[in-house]
Amino acid sequence: MVYSTDPDYKFDAEQDAQEETPAAHEQKLYVSLDRKRRKGKAVTLVEGFRGSSDELKALGKELKVKCGAGGAVKDGEIIIQGDFRERVTGLLKEKGYSVKQKGG
């Protein structure tokens, strides 16, 4: 709602409702290796996370630290520089996530 001419209108603030993050065992994450649009450099992608962006950023930071690599969290994906598919899969399984590897 941008503007209302009704003086009795009460704006219902739904912004207070945070997105509920499902438990780790209820989420299915996909780990893959990607070289497209990256000038031939390999990156590990983690896709499928459902929940708040703050929790996604925290998970991304934890994975980057444990892999000792750089990366980013963009568009609901965790991007880790380098081929860390096996390590990321193991770390996510330890945290209780259901993990599946995509691609070759």
PDB file of N, CA and C in Angstrom:
ATOM      1  N   MET A   1       0.857  -1.171   0.000  1.00  0.00           N
ATOM      2  CA  MET A   1       0.000   0.000   0.000  1.00  0.00           C
ATOM      3  C   MET A   1       0.897   1.226   0.000  1.00  0.00           C
ATOM      4  N   VAL A   2       0.671   2.082  -0.956  1.00  0.00           N
ATOM      5  CA  VAL A   2       1.455   3.302  -1.057  1.00  0.00           C
ATOM      6  C   VAL A   2       0.710   4.479  -0.469  1.00  0.00           C
ATOM      7  N   TYR A   3      -0.611   4.568  -0.786  1.00  0.00           N
ATOM      8  CA  TYR A   3      -1.365   5.724  -0.341  1.00  0.00           C
ATOM      9  C   TYR A   3      -2.834   5.344  -0.226  1.00  0.00           C
ATOM     10  N   SER A   4      -3.514   5.840   0.799  1.00  0.00           N
ATOM     11  CA  SER A   4      -4.943   5.605   0.971  1.00  0.00           C
ATOM     12  C   SER A   4      -5.613   6.920   1.345  1.00  0.00           C
ATOM     13  N   THR A   5      -6.766   7.165   0.730  1.00  0.00           N
ATOM     14  CA  THR A   5      -7.516   8.384   1.038  1.00  0.00           C
ATOM     15  C   THR A   5      -8.479   8.174   2.196  1.00  0.00           C
ATOM     16  N   ASP A   6      -8.641   6.940   2.654  1.00  0.00           N
ATOM     17  CA  ASP A   6      -9.537   6.627   3.756  1.00  0.00           C
ATOM     18  C   ASP A   6      -8.867   6.986   5.079  1.00  0.00           C
ATOM     19  N   PRO A   7      -9.438   7.959   5.838  1.00  0.00           N
ATOM     20  CA  PRO A   7      -8.792   8.368   7.090  1.00  0.00           C
ATOM     21  C   PRO A   7      -8.869   7.293   8.177  1.00  0.00           C
ATOM     22  N   ASP A   8      -9.787   6.327   8.064  1.00  0.00           N
ATOM     23  CA  ASP A   8      -9.935   5.282   9.067  1.00  0.00           C
ATOM     24  C   ASP A   8      -9.161   4.013   8.715  1.00  0.00           C
ATOM     25  N   TYR A   9      -8.409   4.041   7.642  1.00  0.00           N
ATOM     26  CA  TYR A   9      -7.693   2.847   7.201  1.00  0.00           C
ATOM     27  C   TYR A   9      -6.554   2.527   8.167  1.00  0.00           C
ATOM     28  N   LYS A  10      -6.472   1.267   8.567  1.00  0.00           N
ATOM     29  CA  LYS A  10      -5.398   0.789   9.447  1.00  0.00           C
ATOM     30  C   LYS A  10      -4.519  -0.158   8.644  1.00  0.00           C
ATOM     31  N   PHE A  11      -3.262   0.188   8.535  1.00  0.00           N
ATOM     32  CA  PHE A  11      -2.323  -0.625   7.789  1.00  0.00           C
ATOM     33  C   PHE A  11      -1.912  -1.827   8.628  1.00  0.00           C
ATOM     34  N   ASP A  12      -2.096  -3.027   8.083  1.00  0.00           N
ATOM     35  CA  ASP A  12      -1.681  -4.253   8.774  1.00  0.00           C
ATOM     36  C   ASP A  12      -0.224  -4.534   8.429  1.00  0.00           C
ATOM     37  N   ALA A  13       0.618  -4.425   9.412  1.00  0.00           N
ATOM     38  CA  ALA A  13       2.054  -4.623   9.182  1.00  0.00           C
ATOM     39  C   ALA A  13       2.367  -6.113   9.190  1.00  0.00           C
ATOM     40  N   GLU A  14       2.487  -6.690   8.003  1.00  0.00           N
ATOM     41  CA  GLU A  14       2.869  -8.089   7.887  1.00  0.00           C
ATOM     42  C   GLU A  14       4.384  -8.232   7.834  1.00  0.00           C
ATOM     43  N   GLN A  15       5.095  -7.140   7.890  1.00  0.00           N
ATOM     44  CA  GLN A  15       6.546  -7.176   7.838  1.00  0.00           C
ATOM     45  C   GLN A  15       7.129  -7.768   9.115  1.00  0.00           C
ATOM     46  N   ASP A  16       6.364  -7.771  10.196  1.00  0.00           N
ATOM     47  CA  ASP A  16       6.851  -8.315  11.455  1.00  0.00           C
ATOM     48  C   ASP A  16       6.978  -9.831  11.400  1.00  0.00           C
ATOM     49  N   ALA A  17       6.220 -10.465  10.515  1.00  0.00           N
ATOM     50  CA  ALA A  17       6.240 -11.924  10.410  1.00  0.00           C
ATOM     51  C   ALA A  17       7.504 -12.362   9.670  1.00  0.00           C
ATOM     52  N   GLN A  18       8.412 -12.990  10.401  1.00  0.00           N
ATOM     53  CA  GLN A  18       9.657 -13.493   9.811  1.00  0.00           C
ATOM     54  C   GLN A  18       9.382 -14.817   9.108  1.00  0.00           C
ATOM     55  N   GLU A  19      10.166 -15.066   8.059  1.00  0.00           N
ATOM     56  CA  GLU A  19      10.033 -16.332   7.350  1.00  0.00           C
ATOM     57  C   GLU A  19      10.523 -17.441   8.264  1.00  0.00           C
ATOM     58  N   GLU A  20       9.692 -18.440   8.447  1.00  0.00           N
ATOM     59  CA  GLU A  20       9.992 -19.555   9.324  1.00  0.00           C
ATOM     60  C   GLU A  20      10.980 -20.488   8.624  1.00  0.00           C
ATOM     61  N   THR A  21      12.114 -20.765   9.262  1.00  0.00           N
ATOM     62  CA  THR A  21      13.118 -21.651   8.685  1.00  0.00           C
ATOM     63  C   THR A  21      12.841 -23.075   9.133  1.00  0.00           C
ATOM     64  N   PRO A  22      12.627 -23.983   8.183  1.00  0.00           N
ATOM     65  CA  PRO A  22      12.400 -25.385   8.549  1.00  0.00           C
ATOM     66  C   PRO A  22      13.643 -25.979   9.213  1.00  0.00           C
ATOM     67  N   ALA A  23      13.448 -27.029   9.974  1.00  0.00           N
ATOM     68  CA  ALA A  23      14.576 -27.706  10.615  1.00  0.00           C
ATOM     69  C   ALA A  23      15.509 -28.271   9.550  1.00  0.00           C
ATOM     70  N   ALA A  24      16.752 -28.506   9.934  1.00  0.00           N
ATOM     71  CA  ALA A  24      17.761 -28.967   8.977  1.00  0.00           C
ATOM     72  C   ALA A  24      17.357 -30.274   8.305  1.00  0.00           C
ATOM     73  N   HIS A  25      16.796 -31.204   9.065  1.00  0.00           N
ATOM     74  CA  HIS A  25      16.452 -32.500   8.477  1.00  0.00           C
ATOM     75  C   HIS A  25      15.268 -32.422   7.520  1.00  0.00           C
ATOM     76  N   GLU A  26      14.536 -31.316   7.539  1.00  0.00           N
ATOM     77  CA  GLU A  26      13.397 -31.132   6.637  1.00  0.00           C
ATOM     78  C   GLU A  26      13.788 -30.451   5.331  1.00  0.00           C
ATOM     79  N   GLN A  27      15.044 -30.045   5.203  1.00  0.00           N
ATOM     80  CA  GLN A  27      15.487 -29.337   4.009  1.00  0.00           C
ATOM     81  C   GLN A  27      16.352 -30.250   3.147  1.00  0.00           C
ATOM     82  N   LYS A  28      16.207 -30.093   1.842  1.00  0.00           N
ATOM     83  CA  LYS A  28      17.019 -30.858   0.904  1.00  0.00           C
ATOM     84  C   LYS A  28      17.881 -29.864   0.136  1.00  0.00           C
ATOM     85  N   LEU A  29      19.194 -29.968   0.329  1.00  0.00           N
ATOM     86  CA  LEU A  29      20.125 -29.070  -0.316  1.00  0.00           C
ATOM     87  C   LEU A  29      20.839 -29.794  -1.448  1.00  0.00           C
ATOM     88  N   TYR A  30      21.181 -29.051  -2.492  1.00  0.00           N
ATOM     89  CA  TYR A  30      21.877 -29.593  -3.648  1.00  0.00           C
ATOM     90  C   TYR A  30      23.243 -28.929  -3.752  1.00  0.00           C
ATOM     91  N   VAL A  31      24.283 -29.757  -3.884  1.00  0.00           N
ATOM     92  CA  VAL A  31      25.658 -29.270  -4.017  1.00  0.00           C
ATOM     93  C   VAL A  31      26.134 -29.603  -5.419  1.00  0.00           C
ATOM     94  N   SER A  32      26.687 -28.613  -6.113  1.00  0.00           N
ATOM     95  CA  SER A  32      27.164 -28.845  -7.478  1.00  0.00           C
ATOM     96  C   SER A  32      28.400 -27.998  -7.749  1.00  0.00           C
ATOM     97  N   LEU A  33      29.079 -28.344  -8.842  1.00  0.00           N
ATOM     98  CA  LEU A  33      30.248 -27.605  -9.297  1.00  0.00           C
ATOM     99  C   LEU A  33      29.823 -26.798 -10.509  1.00  0.00           C
ATOM    100  N   ASP A  34      30.210 -25.532 -10.559  1.00  0.00           N
ATOM    101  CA  ASP A  34      29.804 -24.667 -11.659  1.00  0.00           C
ATOM    102  C   ASP A  34      31.014 -23.927 -12.209  1.00  0.00           C
ATOM    103  N   ARG A  35      31.087 -23.855 -13.541  1.00  0.00           N
ATOM    104  CA  ARG A  35      32.147 -23.087 -14.195  1.00  0.00           C
ATOM    105  C   ARG A  35      31.574 -22.059 -15.163  1.00  0.00           C
ATOM    106  N   LYS A  36      30.283 -22.084 -15.354  1.00  0.00           N
ATOM    107  CA  LYS A  36      29.645 -21.169 -16.298  1.00  0.00           C
ATOM    108  C   LYS A  36      29.675 -19.738 -15.766  1.00  0.00           C
ATOM    109  N   ARG A  37      29.852 -18.781 -16.662  1.00  0.00           N
ATOM    110  CA  ARG A  37      29.854 -17.353 -16.333  1.00  0.00           C
ATOM    111  C   ARG A  37      30.904 -17.000 -15.292  1.00  0.00           C
ATOM    112  N   ARG A  38      31.965 -17.812 -15.173  1.00  0.00           N
ATOM    113  CA  ARG A  38      32.981 -17.550 -14.158  1.00  0.00           C
ATOM    114  C   ARG A  38      34.389 -17.623 -14.747  1.00  0.00           C
ATOM    115  N   LYS A  39      34.482 -17.422 -16.056  1.00  0.00           N
ATOM    116  CA  LYS A  39      35.768 -17.416 -16.767  1.00  0.00           C
ATOM    117  C   LYS A  39      36.556 -18.693 -16.528  1.00  0.00           C
ATOM    118  N   GLY A  40      35.879 -19.827 -16.449  1.00  0.00           N
ATOM    119  CA  GLY A  40      36.542 -21.117 -16.296  1.00  0.00           C
ATOM    120  C   GLY A  40      36.915 -21.485 -14.874  1.00  0.00           C
ATOM    121  N   LYS A  41      36.723 -20.590 -13.934  1.00  0.00           N
ATOM    122  CA  LYS A  41      37.045 -20.882 -12.534  1.00  0.00           C
ATOM    123  C   LYS A  41      35.933 -21.731 -11.924  1.00  0.00           C
ATOM    124  N   ALA A  42      36.312 -22.738 -11.167  1.00  0.00           N
ATOM    125  CA  ALA A  42      35.336 -23.632 -10.552  1.00  0.00           C
ATOM    126  C   ALA A  42      34.843 -23.054  -9.229  1.00  0.00           C
ATOM    127  N   VAL A  43      33.543 -23.150  -9.003  1.00  0.00           N
ATOM    128  CA  VAL A  43      32.947 -22.778  -7.721  1.00  0.00           C
ATOM    129  C   VAL A  43      31.981 -23.875  -7.293  1.00  0.00           C
ATOM    130  N   THR A  44      31.839 -24.028  -5.998  1.00  0.00           N
ATOM    131  CA  THR A  44      30.890 -24.983  -5.437  1.00  0.00           C
ATOM    132  C   THR A  44      29.617 -24.222  -5.099  1.00  0.00           C
ATOM    133  N   LEU A  45      28.480 -24.715  -5.605  1.00  0.00           N
ATOM    134  CA  LEU A  45      27.185 -24.079  -5.355  1.00  0.00           C
ATOM    135  C   LEU A  45      26.368 -24.923  -4.384  1.00  0.00           C
ATOM    136  N   VAL A  46      25.726 -24.270  -3.439  1.00  0.00           N
ATOM    137  CA  VAL A  46      24.779 -24.921  -2.543  1.00  0.00           C
ATOM    138  C   VAL A  46      23.435 -24.258  -2.787  1.00  0.00           C
ATOM    139  N   GLU A  47      22.460 -25.052  -3.256  1.00  0.00           N
ATOM    140  CA  GLU A  47      21.141 -24.526  -3.607  1.00  0.00           C
ATOM    141  C   GLU A  47      20.059 -25.233  -2.800  1.00  0.00           C
ATOM    142  N   GLY A  48      18.897 -24.614  -2.721  1.00  0.00           N
ATOM    143  CA  GLY A  48      17.730 -25.244  -2.118  1.00  0.00           C
ATOM    144  C   GLY A  48      17.456 -24.857  -0.677  1.00  0.00           C
ATOM    145  N   PHE A  49      18.207 -23.931  -0.102  1.00  0.00           N
ATOM    146  CA  PHE A  49      17.978 -23.534   1.286  1.00  0.00           C
ATOM    147  C   PHE A  49      16.685 -22.749   1.378  1.00  0.00           C
ATOM    148  N   ARG A  50      15.840 -23.123   2.335  1.00  0.00           N
ATOM    149  CA  ARG A  50      14.603 -22.389   2.599  1.00  0.00           C
ATOM    150  C   ARG A  50      14.713 -21.788   3.990  1.00  0.00           C
ATOM    151  N   GLY A  51      14.464 -20.497   4.072  1.00  0.00           N
ATOM    152  CA  GLY A  51      14.521 -19.849   5.372  1.00  0.00           C
ATOM    153  C   GLY A  51      14.940 -18.394   5.232  1.00  0.00           C
ATOM    154  N   SER A  52      15.276 -17.806   6.356  1.00  0.00           N
ATOM    155  CA  SER A  52      15.611 -16.391   6.362  1.00  0.00           C
ATOM    156  C   SER A  52      16.980 -16.158   5.729  1.00  0.00           C
ATOM    157  N   SER A  53      17.154 -14.972   5.190  1.00  0.00           N
ATOM    158  CA  SER A  53      18.419 -14.636   4.540  1.00  0.00           C
ATOM    159  C   SER A  53      19.557 -14.550   5.564  1.00  0.00           C
ATOM    160  N   ASP A  54      19.240 -14.176   6.806  1.00  0.00           N
ATOM    161  CA  ASP A  54      20.274 -14.111   7.834  1.00  0.00           C
ATOM    162  C   ASP A  54      20.837 -15.497   8.139  1.00  0.00           C
ATOM    163  N   GLU A  55      19.962 -16.496   8.198  1.00  0.00           N
ATOM    164  CA  GLU A  55      20.423 -17.856   8.467  1.00  0.00           C
ATOM    165  C   GLU A  55      21.200 -18.416   7.281  1.00  0.00           C
ATOM    166  N   LEU A  56      20.793 -18.047   6.069  1.00  0.00           N
ATOM    167  CA  LEU A  56      21.525 -18.465   4.879  1.00  0.00           C
ATOM    168  C   LEU A  56      22.927 -17.861   4.877  1.00  0.00           C
ATOM    169  N   LYS A  57      23.025 -16.575   5.240  1.00  0.00           N
ATOM    170  CA  LYS A  57      24.332 -15.918   5.300  1.00  0.00           C
ATOM    171  C   LYS A  57      25.211 -16.560   6.370  1.00  0.00           C
ATOM    172  N   ALA A  58      24.628 -16.915   7.507  1.00  0.00           N
ATOM    173  CA  ALA A  58      25.396 -17.551   8.577  1.00  0.00           C
ATOM    174  C   ALA A  58      25.910 -18.924   8.134  1.00  0.00           C
ATOM    175  N   LEU A  59      25.068 -19.687   7.455  1.00  0.00           N
ATOM    176  CA  LEU A  59      25.485 -20.997   6.950  1.00  0.00           C
ATOM    177  C   LEU A  59      26.584 -20.830   5.907  1.00  0.00           C
ATOM    178  N   GLY A  60      26.430 -19.852   5.024  1.00  0.00           N
ATOM    179  CA  GLY A  60      27.447 -19.579   4.019  1.00  0.00           C
ATOM    180  C   GLY A  60      28.782 -19.207   4.644  1.00  0.00           C
ATOM    181  N   LYS A  61      28.746 -18.376   5.665  1.00  0.00           N
ATOM    182  CA  LYS A  61      29.980 -17.965   6.335  1.00  0.00           C
ATOM    183  C   LYS A  61      30.649 -19.157   7.006  1.00  0.00           C
ATOM    184  N   GLU A  62      29.863 -20.001   7.645  1.00  0.00           N
ATOM    185  CA  GLU A  62      30.417 -21.182   8.303  1.00  0.00           C
ATOM    186  C   GLU A  62      31.086 -22.121   7.289  1.00  0.00           C
ATOM    187  N   LEU A  63      30.437 -22.334   6.152  1.00  0.00           N
ATOM    188  CA  LEU A  63      31.012 -23.208   5.126  1.00  0.00           C
ATOM    189  C   LEU A  63      32.292 -22.619   4.549  1.00  0.00           C
ATOM    190  N   LYS A  64      32.308 -21.316   4.316  1.00  0.00           N
ATOM    191  CA  LYS A  64      33.509 -20.670   3.779  1.00  0.00           C
ATOM    192  C   LYS A  64      34.674 -20.790   4.753  1.00  0.00           C
ATOM    193  N   VAL A  65      34.404 -20.606   6.033  1.00  0.00           N
ATOM    194  CA  VAL A  65      35.457 -20.701   7.038  1.00  0.00           C
ATOM    195  C   VAL A  65      35.997 -22.125   7.117  1.00  0.00           C
ATOM    196  N   LYS A  66      35.105 -23.112   7.141  1.00  0.00           N
ATOM    197  CA  LYS A  66      35.537 -24.506   7.264  1.00  0.00           C
ATOM    198  C   LYS A  66      36.275 -24.988   6.021  1.00  0.00           C
ATOM    199  N   CYS A  67      35.974 -24.398   4.859  1.00  0.00           N
ATOM    200  CA  CYS A  67      36.677 -24.772   3.629  1.00  0.00           C
ATOM    201  C   CYS A  67      37.932 -23.928   3.426  1.00  0.00           C
ATOM    202  N   GLY A  68      38.057 -22.854   4.143  1.00  0.00           N
ATOM    203  CA  GLY A  68      39.216 -21.977   3.992  1.00  0.00           C
ATOM    204  C   GLY A  68      39.239 -21.292   2.639  1.00  0.00           C
ATOM    205  N   ALA A  69      38.059 -20.904   2.169  1.00  0.00           N
ATOM    206  CA  ALA A  69      37.950 -20.299   0.836  1.00  0.00           C
ATOM    207  C   ALA A  69      37.031 -19.093   0.895  1.00  0.00           C
ATOM    208  N   GLY A  70      37.103 -18.296  -0.153  1.00  0.00           N
ATOM    209  CA  GLY A  70      36.213 -17.149  -0.274  1.00  0.00           C
ATOM    210  C   GLY A  70      34.897 -17.585  -0.886  1.00  0.00           C
ATOM    211  N   GLY A  71      34.002 -16.648  -1.019  1.00  0.00           N
ATOM    212  CA  GLY A  71      32.719 -16.960  -1.616  1.00  0.00           C
ATOM    213  C   GLY A  71      31.721 -15.854  -1.358  1.00  0.00           C
ATOM    214  N   ALA A  72      30.462 -16.184  -1.625  1.00  0.00           N
ATOM    215  CA  ALA A  72      29.396 -15.201  -1.468  1.00  0.00           C
ATOM    216  C   ALA A  72      28.066 -15.921  -1.263  1.00  0.00           C
ATOM    217  N   VAL A  73      27.074 -15.144  -0.853  1.00  0.00           N
ATOM    218  CA  VAL A  73      25.699 -15.629  -0.771  1.00  0.00           C
ATOM    219  C   VAL A  73      24.877 -14.710  -1.654  1.00  0.00           C
ATOM    220  N   LYS A  74      24.378 -15.253  -2.783  1.00  0.00           N
ATOM    221  CA  LYS A  74      23.605 -14.459  -3.734  1.00  0.00           C
ATOM    222  C   LYS A  74      22.407 -15.242  -4.213  1.00  0.00           C
ATOM    223  N   ASP A  75      21.302 -14.572  -4.385  1.00  0.00           N
ATOM    224  CA  ASP A  75      20.100 -15.147  -4.996  1.00  0.00           C
ATOM    225  C   ASP A  75      19.706 -16.476  -4.363  1.00  0.00           C
ATOM    226  N   GLY A  76      19.832 -16.602  -3.064  1.00  0.00           N
ATOM    227  CA  GLY A  76      19.430 -17.824  -2.378  1.00  0.00           C
ATOM    228  C   GLY A  76      20.412 -18.972  -2.547  1.00  0.00           C
ATOM    229  N   GLU A  77      21.617 -18.704  -3.048  1.00  0.00           N
ATOM    230  CA  GLU A  77      22.641 -19.727  -3.245  1.00  0.00           C
ATOM    231  C   GLU A  77      23.880 -19.362  -2.444  1.00  0.00           C
ATOM    232  N   ILE A  78      24.596 -20.387  -2.005  1.00  0.00           N
ATOM    233  CA  ILE A  78      25.891 -20.185  -1.375  1.00  0.00           C
ATOM    234  C   ILE A  78      26.934 -20.542  -2.426  1.00  0.00           C
ATOM    235  N   ILE A  79      27.858 -19.626  -2.673  1.00  0.00           N
ATOM    236  CA  ILE A  79      28.904 -19.827  -3.667  1.00  0.00           C
ATOM    237  C   ILE A  79      30.240 -19.869  -2.925  1.00  0.00           C
ATOM    238  N   ILE A  80      30.977 -20.977  -3.093  1.00  0.00           N
ATOM    239  CA  ILE A  80      32.280 -21.122  -2.462  1.00  0.00           C
ATOM    240  C   ILE A  80      33.315 -21.300  -3.562  1.00  0.00           C
ATOM    241  N   GLN A  81      34.355 -20.501  -3.524  1.00  0.00           N
ATOM    242  CA  GLN A  81      35.371 -20.545  -4.573  1.00  0.00           C
ATOM    243  C   GLN A  81      36.181 -21.829  -4.473  1.00  0.00           C
ATOM    244  N   GLY A  82      36.225 -22.590  -5.574  1.00  0.00           N
ATOM    245  CA  GLY A  82      36.982 -23.828  -5.616  1.00  0.00           C
ATOM    246  C   GLY A  82      36.077 -25.043  -5.607  1.00  0.00           C
ATOM    247  N   ASP A  83      36.676 -26.213  -5.791  1.00  0.00           N
ATOM    248  CA  ASP A  83      35.927 -27.471  -5.820  1.00  0.00           C
ATOM    249  C   ASP A  83      35.960 -28.096  -4.431  1.00  0.00           C
ATOM    250  N   PHE A  84      34.933 -27.825  -3.633  1.00  0.00           N
ATOM    251  CA  PHE A  84      34.824 -28.346  -2.273  1.00  0.00           C
ATOM    252  C   PHE A  84      33.554 -29.171  -2.116  1.00  0.00           C
ATOM    253  N   ARG A  85      33.117 -29.851  -3.170  1.00  0.00           N
ATOM    254  CA  ARG A  85      31.854 -30.592  -3.119  1.00  0.00           C
ATOM    255  C   ARG A  85      31.833 -31.626  -2.006  1.00  0.00           C
ATOM    256  N   GLU A  86      32.877 -32.426  -1.906  1.00  0.00           N
ATOM    257  CA  GLU A  86      32.903 -33.496  -0.894  1.00  0.00           C
ATOM    258  C   GLU A  86      32.912 -32.919   0.519  1.00  0.00           C
ATOM    259  N   ARG A  87      33.723 -31.919   0.752  1.00  0.00           N
ATOM    260  CA  ARG A  87      33.824 -31.325   2.087  1.00  0.00           C
ATOM    261  C   ARG A  87      32.518 -30.650   2.479  1.00  0.00           C
ATOM    262  N   VAL A  88      31.923 -29.884   1.551  1.00  0.00           N
ATOM    263  CA  VAL A  88      30.663 -29.184   1.843  1.00  0.00           C
ATOM    264  C   VAL A  88      29.551 -30.195   2.108  1.00  0.00           C
ATOM    265  N   THR A  89      29.505 -31.259   1.298  1.00  0.00           N
ATOM    266  CA  THR A  89      28.489 -32.294   1.501  1.00  0.00           C
ATOM    267  C   THR A  89      28.629 -32.907   2.888  1.00  0.00           C
ATOM    268  N   GLY A  90      29.848 -33.221   3.294  1.00  0.00           N
ATOM    269  CA  GLY A  90      30.084 -33.795   4.622  1.00  0.00           C
ATOM    270  C   GLY A  90      29.698 -32.845   5.740  1.00  0.00           C
ATOM    271  N   LEU A  91      30.064 -31.577   5.600  1.00  0.00           N
ATOM    272  CA  LEU A  91      29.739 -30.588   6.635  1.00  0.00           C
ATOM    273  C   LEU A  91      28.229 -30.410   6.776  1.00  0.00           C
ATOM    274  N   LEU A  92      27.518 -30.364   5.641  1.00  0.00           N
ATOM    275  CA  LEU A  92      26.065 -30.182   5.699  1.00  0.00           C
ATOM    276  C   LEU A  92      25.377 -31.404   6.295  1.00  0.00           C
ATOM    277  N   LYS A  93      25.884 -32.592   5.984  1.00  0.00           N
ATOM    278  CA  LYS A  93      25.298 -33.812   6.567  1.00  0.00           C
ATOM    279  C   LYS A  93      25.515 -33.858   8.066  1.00  0.00           C
ATOM    280  N   GLU A  94      26.687 -33.380   8.532  1.00  0.00           N
ATOM    281  CA  GLU A  94      26.950 -33.311   9.975  1.00  0.00           C
ATOM    282  C   GLU A  94      25.953 -32.393  10.676  1.00  0.00           C
ATOM    283  N   LYS A  95      25.536 -31.330   9.988  1.00  0.00           N
ATOM    284  CA  LYS A  95      24.578 -30.383  10.565  1.00  0.00           C
ATOM    285  C   LYS A  95      23.146 -30.890  10.484  1.00  0.00           C
ATOM    286  N   GLY A  96      22.927 -32.044   9.807  1.00  0.00           N
ATOM    287  CA  GLY A  96      21.604 -32.649   9.759  1.00  0.00           C
ATOM    288  C   GLY A  96      20.822 -32.405   8.490  1.00  0.00           C
ATOM    289  N   TYR A  97      21.405 -31.748   7.497  1.00  0.00           N
ATOM    290  CA  TYR A  97      20.705 -31.473   6.253  1.00  0.00           C
ATOM    291  C   TYR A  97      20.686 -32.716   5.368  1.00  0.00           C
ATOM    292  N   SER A  98      19.656 -32.856   4.566  1.00  0.00           N
ATOM    293  CA  SER A  98      19.600 -33.876   3.539  1.00  0.00           C
ATOM    294  C   SER A  98      20.286 -33.289   2.310  1.00  0.00           C
ATOM    295  N   VAL A  99      21.386 -33.918   1.876  1.00  0.00           N
ATOM    296  CA  VAL A  99      22.223 -33.338   0.816  1.00  0.00           C
ATOM    297  C   VAL A  99      22.318 -34.293  -0.350  1.00  0.00           C
ATOM    298  N   LYS A 100      22.236 -33.718  -1.546  1.00  0.00           N
ATOM    299  CA  LYS A 100      22.394 -34.496  -2.759  1.00  0.00           C
ATOM    300  C   LYS A 100      23.310 -33.718  -3.699  1.00  0.00           C
ATOM    301  N   GLN A 101      24.251 -34.448  -4.345  1.00  0.00           N
ATOM    302  CA  GLN A 101      25.143 -33.799  -5.296  1.00  0.00           C
ATOM    303  C   GLN A 101      24.529 -33.826  -6.682  1.00  0.00           C
ATOM    304  N   LYS A 102      24.656 -32.704  -7.383  1.00  0.00           N
ATOM    305  CA  LYS A 102      24.155 -32.589  -8.760  1.00  0.00           C
ATOM    306  C   LYS A 102      25.336 -32.544  -9.700  1.00  0.00           C
ATOM    307  N   GLY A 103      25.124 -32.988 -10.911  1.00  0.00           N
ATOM    308  CA  GLY A 103      26.152 -32.879 -11.943  1.00  0.00           C
ATOM    309  C   GLY A 103      27.175 -33.974 -11.841  1.00  0.00           C
ATOM    310  N   GLY A 104      28.247 -33.831 -12.650  1.00  0.00           N
ATOM    311  CA  GLY A 104      29.288 -34.855 -12.737  1.00  0.00           C
ATOM    312  C   GLY A 104      30.235 -34.762 -11.646  1.00  0.00           C
TER     313      GLY A 104
END
